[in-house]
Amino acid sequence: MKTAFYYLLVGYAATATLACKSDKGQGLPPEEVIRQYQSFIDLNRFDDAKKLSTPAEQKRLDEEATLIAMLPADSTVLHTVFHKIQCREINNHLVVCDCLLEDEEAGEYEATFHLVKAHGTWLIDFPHFDEEEPVAPAAQPQSKPMALPQKL
């Protein structure tokens, strides 16, 4: 009886430990997801980058991988440095992060990353610009256009 209880307790502890380790990738903040994603892109590890991406971004990565495959291998590996990551929450499932980056090919540049939350995990998404800033509503049909100034 004691042996069965011991094995049950050890089994439960092992299961709990494995469950915690498998959740480690989930719940990372957007800034860390961006850093990991960019690191994979720098090393041309597109399959790993796709694991941190939505289906729309995965499709874009497939296209990028095809282009990179046509270039000499030694010219495609980069090291990107993040000088700034500033994220803003659009809603509970969308974050937009403005970044200042630098790499040896492009120098210093700005980039914007869109992340969506799916099943508790932030994923890099192909940017949807209409979600970031609301578009002004179209003019009502009854409104008159502004008149241009007249010459006197």
N, C-alpha and C. Protein backbone atom coordinates (compact mmCIF):
# COMPACT_ATOMS: atom_id res chain seq x y z
N MET A 1 0.82 -1.19 0.00
CA MET A 1 0.00 0.00 0.00
C MET A 1 0.87 1.25 0.00
N LYS A 2 1.92 1.26 0.86
CA LYS A 2 2.80 2.42 0.90
C LYS A 2 3.53 2.58 -0.42
N THR A 3 3.92 1.49 -1.03
CA THR A 3 4.65 1.54 -2.30
C THR A 3 3.76 2.12 -3.40
N ALA A 4 2.51 1.71 -3.45
CA ALA A 4 1.59 2.22 -4.46
C ALA A 4 1.38 3.71 -4.28
N PHE A 5 1.24 4.15 -3.03
CA PHE A 5 1.08 5.57 -2.74
C PHE A 5 2.32 6.34 -3.16
N TYR A 6 3.50 5.79 -2.91
CA TYR A 6 4.77 6.43 -3.27
C TYR A 6 4.85 6.60 -4.78
N TYR A 7 4.55 5.53 -5.55
CA TYR A 7 4.59 5.61 -7.00
C TYR A 7 3.57 6.60 -7.55
N LEU A 8 2.41 6.65 -6.95
CA LEU A 8 1.38 7.60 -7.34
C LEU A 8 1.86 9.03 -7.11
N LEU A 9 2.48 9.27 -5.96
CA LEU A 9 3.00 10.59 -5.63
C LEU A 9 4.12 11.00 -6.58
N VAL A 10 5.05 10.11 -6.86
CA VAL A 10 6.15 10.39 -7.78
C VAL A 10 5.60 10.65 -9.18
N GLY A 11 4.64 9.85 -9.61
CA GLY A 11 4.02 10.03 -10.93
C GLY A 11 3.34 11.38 -11.04
N TYR A 12 2.64 11.78 -9.99
CA TYR A 12 1.96 13.07 -9.99
C TYR A 12 2.98 14.21 -10.07
N ALA A 13 4.05 14.10 -9.30
CA ALA A 13 5.09 15.15 -9.30
C ALA A 13 5.75 15.24 -10.67
N ALA A 14 6.03 14.11 -11.29
CA ALA A 14 6.65 14.11 -12.61
C ALA A 14 5.71 14.74 -13.65
N THR A 15 4.44 14.40 -13.58
CA THR A 15 3.46 14.96 -14.51
C THR A 15 3.35 16.46 -14.33
N ALA A 16 3.31 16.92 -13.10
CA ALA A 16 3.22 18.35 -12.82
C ALA A 16 4.47 19.08 -13.33
N THR A 17 5.63 18.48 -13.14
CA THR A 17 6.88 19.10 -13.61
C THR A 17 6.89 19.20 -15.13
N LEU A 18 6.49 18.14 -15.83
CA LEU A 18 6.46 18.17 -17.28
C LEU A 18 5.44 19.18 -17.79
N ALA A 19 4.32 19.28 -17.12
CA ALA A 19 3.31 20.25 -17.53
C ALA A 19 3.83 21.66 -17.39
N CYS A 20 4.55 21.95 -16.33
CA CYS A 20 5.12 23.28 -16.15
C CYS A 20 6.15 23.58 -17.23
N LYS A 21 6.98 22.61 -17.57
CA LYS A 21 8.00 22.83 -18.59
C LYS A 21 7.36 23.04 -19.95
N SER A 22 6.28 22.33 -20.27
CA SER A 22 5.67 22.49 -21.58
C SER A 22 4.96 23.83 -21.70
N ASP A 23 4.55 24.43 -20.58
CA ASP A 23 3.90 25.73 -20.61
C ASP A 23 4.90 26.88 -20.62
N LYS A 24 6.19 26.57 -20.49
CA LYS A 24 7.19 27.62 -20.37
C LYS A 24 7.15 28.57 -21.55
N GLY A 25 6.92 28.07 -22.77
CA GLY A 25 6.88 28.94 -23.94
C GLY A 25 5.63 29.80 -23.97
N GLN A 26 4.59 29.36 -23.31
CA GLN A 26 3.36 30.13 -23.29
C GLN A 26 3.47 31.24 -22.26
N GLY A 27 2.79 32.31 -22.54
CA GLY A 27 2.73 33.39 -21.59
C GLY A 27 3.94 34.31 -21.62
N LEU A 28 4.83 34.12 -22.60
CA LEU A 28 5.96 35.05 -22.72
C LEU A 28 5.43 36.42 -23.09
N PRO A 29 6.04 37.47 -22.58
CA PRO A 29 5.59 38.82 -22.95
C PRO A 29 5.91 39.09 -24.43
N PRO A 30 5.17 39.99 -25.06
CA PRO A 30 5.38 40.28 -26.48
C PRO A 30 6.83 40.64 -26.81
N GLU A 31 7.50 41.38 -25.93
CA GLU A 31 8.88 41.78 -26.19
C GLU A 31 9.79 40.56 -26.35
N GLU A 32 9.59 39.54 -25.53
CA GLU A 32 10.42 38.34 -25.61
C GLU A 32 10.09 37.51 -26.85
N VAL A 33 8.82 37.47 -27.22
CA VAL A 33 8.42 36.76 -28.43
C VAL A 33 9.09 37.42 -29.65
N ILE A 34 9.10 38.75 -29.68
CA ILE A 34 9.74 39.47 -30.78
C ILE A 34 11.23 39.15 -30.84
N ARG A 35 11.89 39.16 -29.70
CA ARG A 35 13.33 38.88 -29.68
C ARG A 35 13.63 37.46 -30.19
N GLN A 36 12.85 36.48 -29.74
CA GLN A 36 13.05 35.11 -30.18
C GLN A 36 12.79 34.97 -31.68
N TYR A 37 11.68 35.55 -32.11
CA TYR A 37 11.30 35.50 -33.52
C TYR A 37 12.42 36.09 -34.39
N GLN A 38 12.91 37.28 -34.03
CA GLN A 38 13.94 37.93 -34.83
C GLN A 38 15.23 37.13 -34.82
N SER A 39 15.53 36.51 -33.70
CA SER A 39 16.72 35.67 -33.62
C SER A 39 16.63 34.50 -34.59
N PHE A 40 15.46 33.88 -34.69
CA PHE A 40 15.26 32.79 -35.64
C PHE A 40 15.38 33.30 -37.08
N ILE A 41 14.83 34.47 -37.36
CA ILE A 41 14.91 35.04 -38.71
C ILE A 41 16.38 35.32 -39.05
N ASP A 42 17.11 35.90 -38.10
CA ASP A 42 18.53 36.21 -38.33
C ASP A 42 19.32 34.97 -38.73
N LEU A 43 18.97 33.83 -38.15
CA LEU A 43 19.71 32.58 -38.40
C LEU A 43 19.07 31.73 -39.51
N ASN A 44 18.07 32.31 -40.18
CA ASN A 44 17.34 31.60 -41.25
C ASN A 44 16.65 30.34 -40.76
N ARG A 45 16.24 30.35 -39.52
CA ARG A 45 15.51 29.22 -38.95
C ARG A 45 14.02 29.52 -39.06
N PHE A 46 13.53 29.51 -40.28
CA PHE A 46 12.16 29.92 -40.56
C PHE A 46 11.13 28.98 -39.96
N ASP A 47 11.44 27.68 -39.87
CA ASP A 47 10.49 26.75 -39.25
C ASP A 47 10.30 27.08 -37.78
N ASP A 48 11.37 27.47 -37.09
CA ASP A 48 11.24 27.88 -35.69
C ASP A 48 10.48 29.19 -35.57
N ALA A 49 10.75 30.13 -36.48
CA ALA A 49 10.04 31.41 -36.46
C ALA A 49 8.55 31.20 -36.71
N LYS A 50 8.22 30.23 -37.55
CA LYS A 50 6.81 29.95 -37.84
C LYS A 50 6.06 29.47 -36.60
N LYS A 51 6.76 28.84 -35.67
CA LYS A 51 6.12 28.39 -34.43
C LYS A 51 5.68 29.56 -33.57
N LEU A 52 6.26 30.73 -33.80
CA LEU A 52 5.91 31.94 -33.06
C LEU A 52 5.02 32.86 -33.90
N SER A 53 4.41 32.32 -34.96
CA SER A 53 3.68 33.13 -35.93
C SER A 53 2.27 32.63 -36.17
N THR A 54 1.44 33.55 -36.63
CA THR A 54 0.09 33.21 -37.06
C THR A 54 0.17 32.58 -38.46
N PRO A 55 -0.90 31.94 -38.93
CA PRO A 55 -0.89 31.37 -40.28
C PRO A 55 -0.55 32.39 -41.38
N ALA A 56 -1.05 33.61 -41.25
CA ALA A 56 -0.74 34.63 -42.27
C ALA A 56 0.75 34.94 -42.30
N GLU A 57 1.36 35.05 -41.14
CA GLU A 57 2.80 35.33 -41.07
C GLU A 57 3.60 34.10 -41.50
N GLN A 58 3.11 32.91 -41.22
CA GLN A 58 3.79 31.70 -41.67
C GLN A 58 3.88 31.66 -43.19
N LYS A 59 2.82 32.09 -43.86
CA LYS A 59 2.83 32.13 -45.32
C LYS A 59 3.89 33.12 -45.80
N ARG A 60 3.97 34.29 -45.17
CA ARG A 60 4.97 35.28 -45.56
C ARG A 60 6.38 34.74 -45.33
N LEU A 61 6.57 34.01 -44.22
CA LEU A 61 7.87 33.43 -43.92
C LEU A 61 8.27 32.38 -44.96
N ASP A 62 7.30 31.62 -45.46
CA ASP A 62 7.59 30.65 -46.52
C ASP A 62 8.13 31.37 -47.76
N GLU A 63 7.51 32.50 -48.09
CA GLU A 63 7.96 33.28 -49.24
C GLU A 63 9.36 33.85 -49.00
N GLU A 64 9.61 34.34 -47.79
CA GLU A 64 10.93 34.88 -47.45
C GLU A 64 11.99 33.78 -47.50
N ALA A 65 11.66 32.60 -46.99
CA ALA A 65 12.61 31.48 -47.00
C ALA A 65 12.98 31.10 -48.43
N THR A 66 12.02 31.16 -49.33
CA THR A 66 12.28 30.86 -50.74
C THR A 66 13.27 31.87 -51.32
N LEU A 67 13.08 33.14 -51.02
CA LEU A 67 14.00 34.17 -51.51
C LEU A 67 15.39 34.02 -50.91
N ILE A 68 15.47 33.75 -49.62
CA ILE A 68 16.76 33.60 -48.94
C ILE A 68 17.52 32.41 -49.49
N ALA A 69 16.80 31.35 -49.87
CA ALA A 69 17.45 30.14 -50.39
C ALA A 69 18.20 30.41 -51.69
N MET A 70 17.84 31.48 -52.40
CA MET A 70 18.49 31.82 -53.66
C MET A 70 19.80 32.59 -53.45
N LEU A 71 20.05 33.06 -52.23
CA LEU A 71 21.24 33.86 -51.95
C LEU A 71 22.36 32.99 -51.39
N PRO A 72 23.61 33.46 -51.51
CA PRO A 72 24.72 32.71 -50.89
C PRO A 72 24.51 32.61 -49.38
N ALA A 73 24.74 31.43 -48.83
CA ALA A 73 24.45 31.17 -47.42
C ALA A 73 25.17 32.11 -46.47
N ASP A 74 26.41 32.47 -46.77
CA ASP A 74 27.17 33.31 -45.84
C ASP A 74 26.69 34.76 -45.82
N SER A 75 25.84 35.15 -46.77
CA SER A 75 25.36 36.54 -46.81
C SER A 75 24.00 36.70 -46.16
N THR A 76 23.42 35.63 -45.66
CA THR A 76 22.05 35.71 -45.16
C THR A 76 21.93 35.63 -43.65
N VAL A 77 23.00 35.39 -42.94
CA VAL A 77 22.94 35.30 -41.48
C VAL A 77 23.24 36.67 -40.90
N LEU A 78 22.35 37.13 -40.03
CA LEU A 78 22.48 38.46 -39.43
C LEU A 78 22.51 38.37 -37.92
N HIS A 79 22.83 39.48 -37.30
CA HIS A 79 22.70 39.62 -35.85
C HIS A 79 22.01 40.95 -35.60
N THR A 80 20.76 40.87 -35.19
CA THR A 80 19.97 42.07 -34.95
C THR A 80 20.04 42.45 -33.48
N VAL A 81 20.26 43.73 -33.24
CA VAL A 81 20.29 44.28 -31.88
C VAL A 81 19.05 45.15 -31.72
N PHE A 82 18.35 44.96 -30.62
CA PHE A 82 17.19 45.78 -30.30
C PHE A 82 17.63 46.93 -29.41
N HIS A 83 17.47 48.16 -29.91
CA HIS A 83 17.79 49.33 -29.09
C HIS A 83 16.56 49.78 -28.29
N LYS A 84 15.38 49.49 -28.85
CA LYS A 84 14.15 49.92 -28.17
C LYS A 84 13.01 49.02 -28.62
N ILE A 85 12.18 48.63 -27.67
CA ILE A 85 10.92 47.95 -27.97
C ILE A 85 9.85 48.64 -27.13
N GLN A 86 8.90 49.23 -27.79
CA GLN A 86 7.83 49.93 -27.09
C GLN A 86 6.49 49.38 -27.58
N CYS A 87 5.81 48.64 -26.70
CA CYS A 87 4.56 47.98 -27.08
C CYS A 87 3.37 48.73 -26.53
N ARG A 88 2.30 48.69 -27.29
CA ARG A 88 1.03 49.26 -26.83
C ARG A 88 -0.08 48.27 -27.13
N GLU A 89 -0.95 48.12 -26.16
CA GLU A 89 -2.06 47.18 -26.29
C GLU A 89 -3.20 47.85 -27.02
N ILE A 90 -3.62 47.24 -28.13
CA ILE A 90 -4.76 47.74 -28.89
C ILE A 90 -6.04 47.19 -28.28
N ASN A 91 -6.04 45.90 -27.96
CA ASN A 91 -7.12 45.26 -27.21
C ASN A 91 -6.52 44.03 -26.53
N ASN A 92 -7.35 43.21 -25.89
CA ASN A 92 -6.84 42.06 -25.13
C ASN A 92 -6.10 41.04 -25.99
N HIS A 93 -6.32 41.07 -27.30
CA HIS A 93 -5.72 40.07 -28.17
C HIS A 93 -4.81 40.65 -29.24
N LEU A 94 -4.51 41.94 -29.16
CA LEU A 94 -3.65 42.57 -30.16
C LEU A 94 -2.71 43.57 -29.49
N VAL A 95 -1.42 43.42 -29.78
CA VAL A 95 -0.40 44.34 -29.29
C VAL A 95 0.42 44.77 -30.50
N VAL A 96 0.74 46.05 -30.57
CA VAL A 96 1.60 46.59 -31.62
C VAL A 96 2.85 47.12 -30.94
N CYS A 97 4.01 46.68 -31.43
CA CYS A 97 5.29 47.07 -30.83
C CYS A 97 6.14 47.81 -31.84
N ASP A 98 6.52 49.03 -31.49
CA ASP A 98 7.42 49.83 -32.31
C ASP A 98 8.83 49.59 -31.80
N CYS A 99 9.73 49.26 -32.72
CA CYS A 99 11.08 48.87 -32.34
C CYS A 99 12.11 49.69 -33.09
N LEU A 100 13.24 49.90 -32.44
CA LEU A 100 14.42 50.46 -33.08
C LEU A 100 15.46 49.36 -33.07
N LEU A 101 15.86 48.92 -34.27
CA LEU A 101 16.76 47.79 -34.41
C LEU A 101 18.00 48.21 -35.19
N GLU A 102 19.00 47.33 -35.13
CA GLU A 102 20.21 47.55 -35.92
C GLU A 102 20.79 46.20 -36.30
N ASP A 103 21.21 46.11 -37.56
CA ASP A 103 21.96 44.94 -38.00
C ASP A 103 23.04 45.39 -38.97
N GLU A 104 23.96 44.49 -39.26
CA GLU A 104 25.12 44.85 -40.07
C GLU A 104 24.76 45.13 -41.53
N GLU A 105 23.63 44.65 -42.00
CA GLU A 105 23.25 44.88 -43.39
C GLU A 105 22.49 46.18 -43.57
N ALA A 106 21.48 46.42 -42.74
CA ALA A 106 20.61 47.58 -42.91
C ALA A 106 21.01 48.76 -42.03
N GLY A 107 21.88 48.53 -41.07
CA GLY A 107 22.19 49.60 -40.12
C GLY A 107 21.05 49.74 -39.12
N GLU A 108 20.82 50.95 -38.66
CA GLU A 108 19.76 51.21 -37.69
C GLU A 108 18.46 51.51 -38.44
N TYR A 109 17.38 50.90 -37.99
CA TYR A 109 16.09 51.09 -38.64
C TYR A 109 14.96 50.86 -37.65
N GLU A 110 13.77 51.33 -38.03
CA GLU A 110 12.57 51.14 -37.22
C GLU A 110 11.73 50.03 -37.84
N ALA A 111 11.07 49.28 -36.99
CA ALA A 111 10.16 48.22 -37.45
C ALA A 111 8.99 48.13 -36.47
N THR A 112 7.86 47.74 -36.99
CA THR A 112 6.66 47.56 -36.18
C THR A 112 6.24 46.11 -36.25
N PHE A 113 6.02 45.50 -35.09
CA PHE A 113 5.57 44.12 -35.00
C PHE A 113 4.15 44.10 -34.47
N HIS A 114 3.32 43.30 -35.08
CA HIS A 114 1.95 43.09 -34.61
C HIS A 114 1.90 41.70 -34.00
N LEU A 115 1.36 41.60 -32.79
CA LEU A 115 1.24 40.31 -32.12
C LEU A 115 -0.20 40.09 -31.73
N VAL A 116 -0.68 38.88 -31.95
CA VAL A 116 -2.03 38.50 -31.53
C VAL A 116 -1.92 37.38 -30.51
N LYS A 117 -2.86 37.34 -29.59
CA LYS A 117 -2.86 36.31 -28.57
C LYS A 117 -3.79 35.18 -29.01
N ALA A 118 -3.21 33.97 -29.06
CA ALA A 118 -3.98 32.78 -29.43
C ALA A 118 -3.70 31.70 -28.39
N HIS A 119 -4.72 31.23 -27.72
CA HIS A 119 -4.59 30.19 -26.70
C HIS A 119 -3.58 30.57 -25.62
N GLY A 120 -3.59 31.84 -25.23
CA GLY A 120 -2.71 32.31 -24.16
C GLY A 120 -1.28 32.60 -24.58
N THR A 121 -0.99 32.52 -25.88
CA THR A 121 0.36 32.73 -26.37
C THR A 121 0.38 33.88 -27.37
N TRP A 122 1.35 34.77 -27.24
CA TRP A 122 1.51 35.85 -28.21
C TRP A 122 2.21 35.32 -29.45
N LEU A 123 1.64 35.65 -30.62
CA LEU A 123 2.20 35.22 -31.91
C LEU A 123 2.42 36.43 -32.81
N ILE A 124 3.51 36.42 -33.57
CA ILE A 124 3.78 37.47 -34.54
C ILE A 124 2.76 37.31 -35.66
N ASP A 125 2.14 38.43 -36.05
CA ASP A 125 1.13 38.39 -37.09
C ASP A 125 1.56 39.27 -38.26
N PHE A 126 1.10 38.90 -39.43
CA PHE A 126 1.28 39.75 -40.60
C PHE A 126 0.52 41.03 -40.30
N PRO A 127 1.14 42.20 -40.47
CA PRO A 127 0.47 43.44 -40.03
C PRO A 127 -0.83 43.73 -40.76
N HIS A 128 -1.80 44.13 -39.99
CA HIS A 128 -3.09 44.57 -40.51
C HIS A 128 -3.22 46.03 -40.11
N PHE A 129 -2.87 46.92 -41.00
CA PHE A 129 -2.74 48.32 -40.66
C PHE A 129 -4.04 48.96 -40.21
N ASP A 130 -5.19 48.46 -40.65
CA ASP A 130 -6.46 49.07 -40.27
C ASP A 130 -6.79 48.84 -38.80
N GLU A 131 -6.16 47.86 -38.13
CA GLU A 131 -6.44 47.62 -36.72
C GLU A 131 -5.68 48.58 -35.83
N GLU A 132 -4.57 49.12 -36.33
CA GLU A 132 -3.73 49.96 -35.50
C GLU A 132 -4.34 51.33 -35.26
N GLU A 133 -4.79 51.97 -36.33
CA GLU A 133 -5.34 53.31 -36.20
C GLU A 133 -6.72 53.32 -36.83
N PRO A 134 -7.71 53.81 -36.10
CA PRO A 134 -9.05 53.84 -36.68
C PRO A 134 -9.10 54.79 -37.87
N VAL A 135 -9.82 54.38 -38.88
CA VAL A 135 -9.99 55.20 -40.07
C VAL A 135 -11.16 56.13 -39.84
N ALA A 136 -11.03 57.39 -40.27
CA ALA A 136 -12.12 58.37 -40.12
C ALA A 136 -13.31 57.91 -40.95
N PRO A 137 -14.51 58.05 -40.41
CA PRO A 137 -15.69 57.65 -41.17
C PRO A 137 -15.84 58.49 -42.43
N ALA A 138 -16.44 57.91 -43.45
CA ALA A 138 -16.66 58.63 -44.71
C ALA A 138 -17.63 59.77 -44.48
N ALA A 139 -17.48 60.79 -45.29
CA ALA A 139 -18.36 61.96 -45.17
C ALA A 139 -19.80 61.55 -45.45
N GLN A 140 -20.70 62.15 -44.72
CA GLN A 140 -22.12 61.87 -44.91
C GLN A 140 -22.59 62.47 -46.24
N PRO A 141 -23.52 61.83 -46.94
CA PRO A 141 -23.98 62.35 -48.23
C PRO A 141 -24.56 63.75 -48.15
N GLN A 142 -25.17 64.11 -47.03
CA GLN A 142 -25.79 65.41 -46.93
C GLN A 142 -24.79 66.52 -46.62
N SER A 143 -23.54 66.17 -46.25
CA SER A 143 -22.57 67.21 -45.94
C SER A 143 -22.04 67.81 -47.23
N LYS A 144 -21.73 69.12 -47.18
CA LYS A 144 -21.23 69.83 -48.35
C LYS A 144 -19.71 69.86 -48.29
N PRO A 145 -19.04 69.72 -49.42
CA PRO A 145 -17.59 69.83 -49.42
C PRO A 145 -17.18 71.26 -49.12
N MET A 146 -15.99 71.41 -48.56
CA MET A 146 -15.49 72.76 -48.27
C MET A 146 -15.24 73.48 -49.59
N ALA A 147 -15.55 74.74 -49.62
CA ALA A 147 -15.33 75.54 -50.82
C ALA A 147 -13.88 76.02 -50.83
N LEU A 148 -13.29 76.06 -52.00
CA LEU A 148 -11.94 76.59 -52.13
C LEU A 148 -12.00 78.11 -52.09
N PRO A 149 -10.93 78.72 -51.60
CA PRO A 149 -10.94 80.19 -51.55
C PRO A 149 -11.05 80.79 -52.97
N GLN A 150 -11.80 81.83 -53.10
CA GLN A 150 -12.00 82.48 -54.38
C GLN A 150 -11.04 83.65 -54.54
N LYS A 151 -10.57 83.87 -55.78
CA LYS A 151 -9.74 85.04 -56.05
C LYS A 151 -10.62 86.25 -56.14
N LEU A 152 -10.17 87.35 -55.60
CA LEU A 152 -10.94 88.60 -55.70
C LEU A 152 -10.47 89.45 -56.80
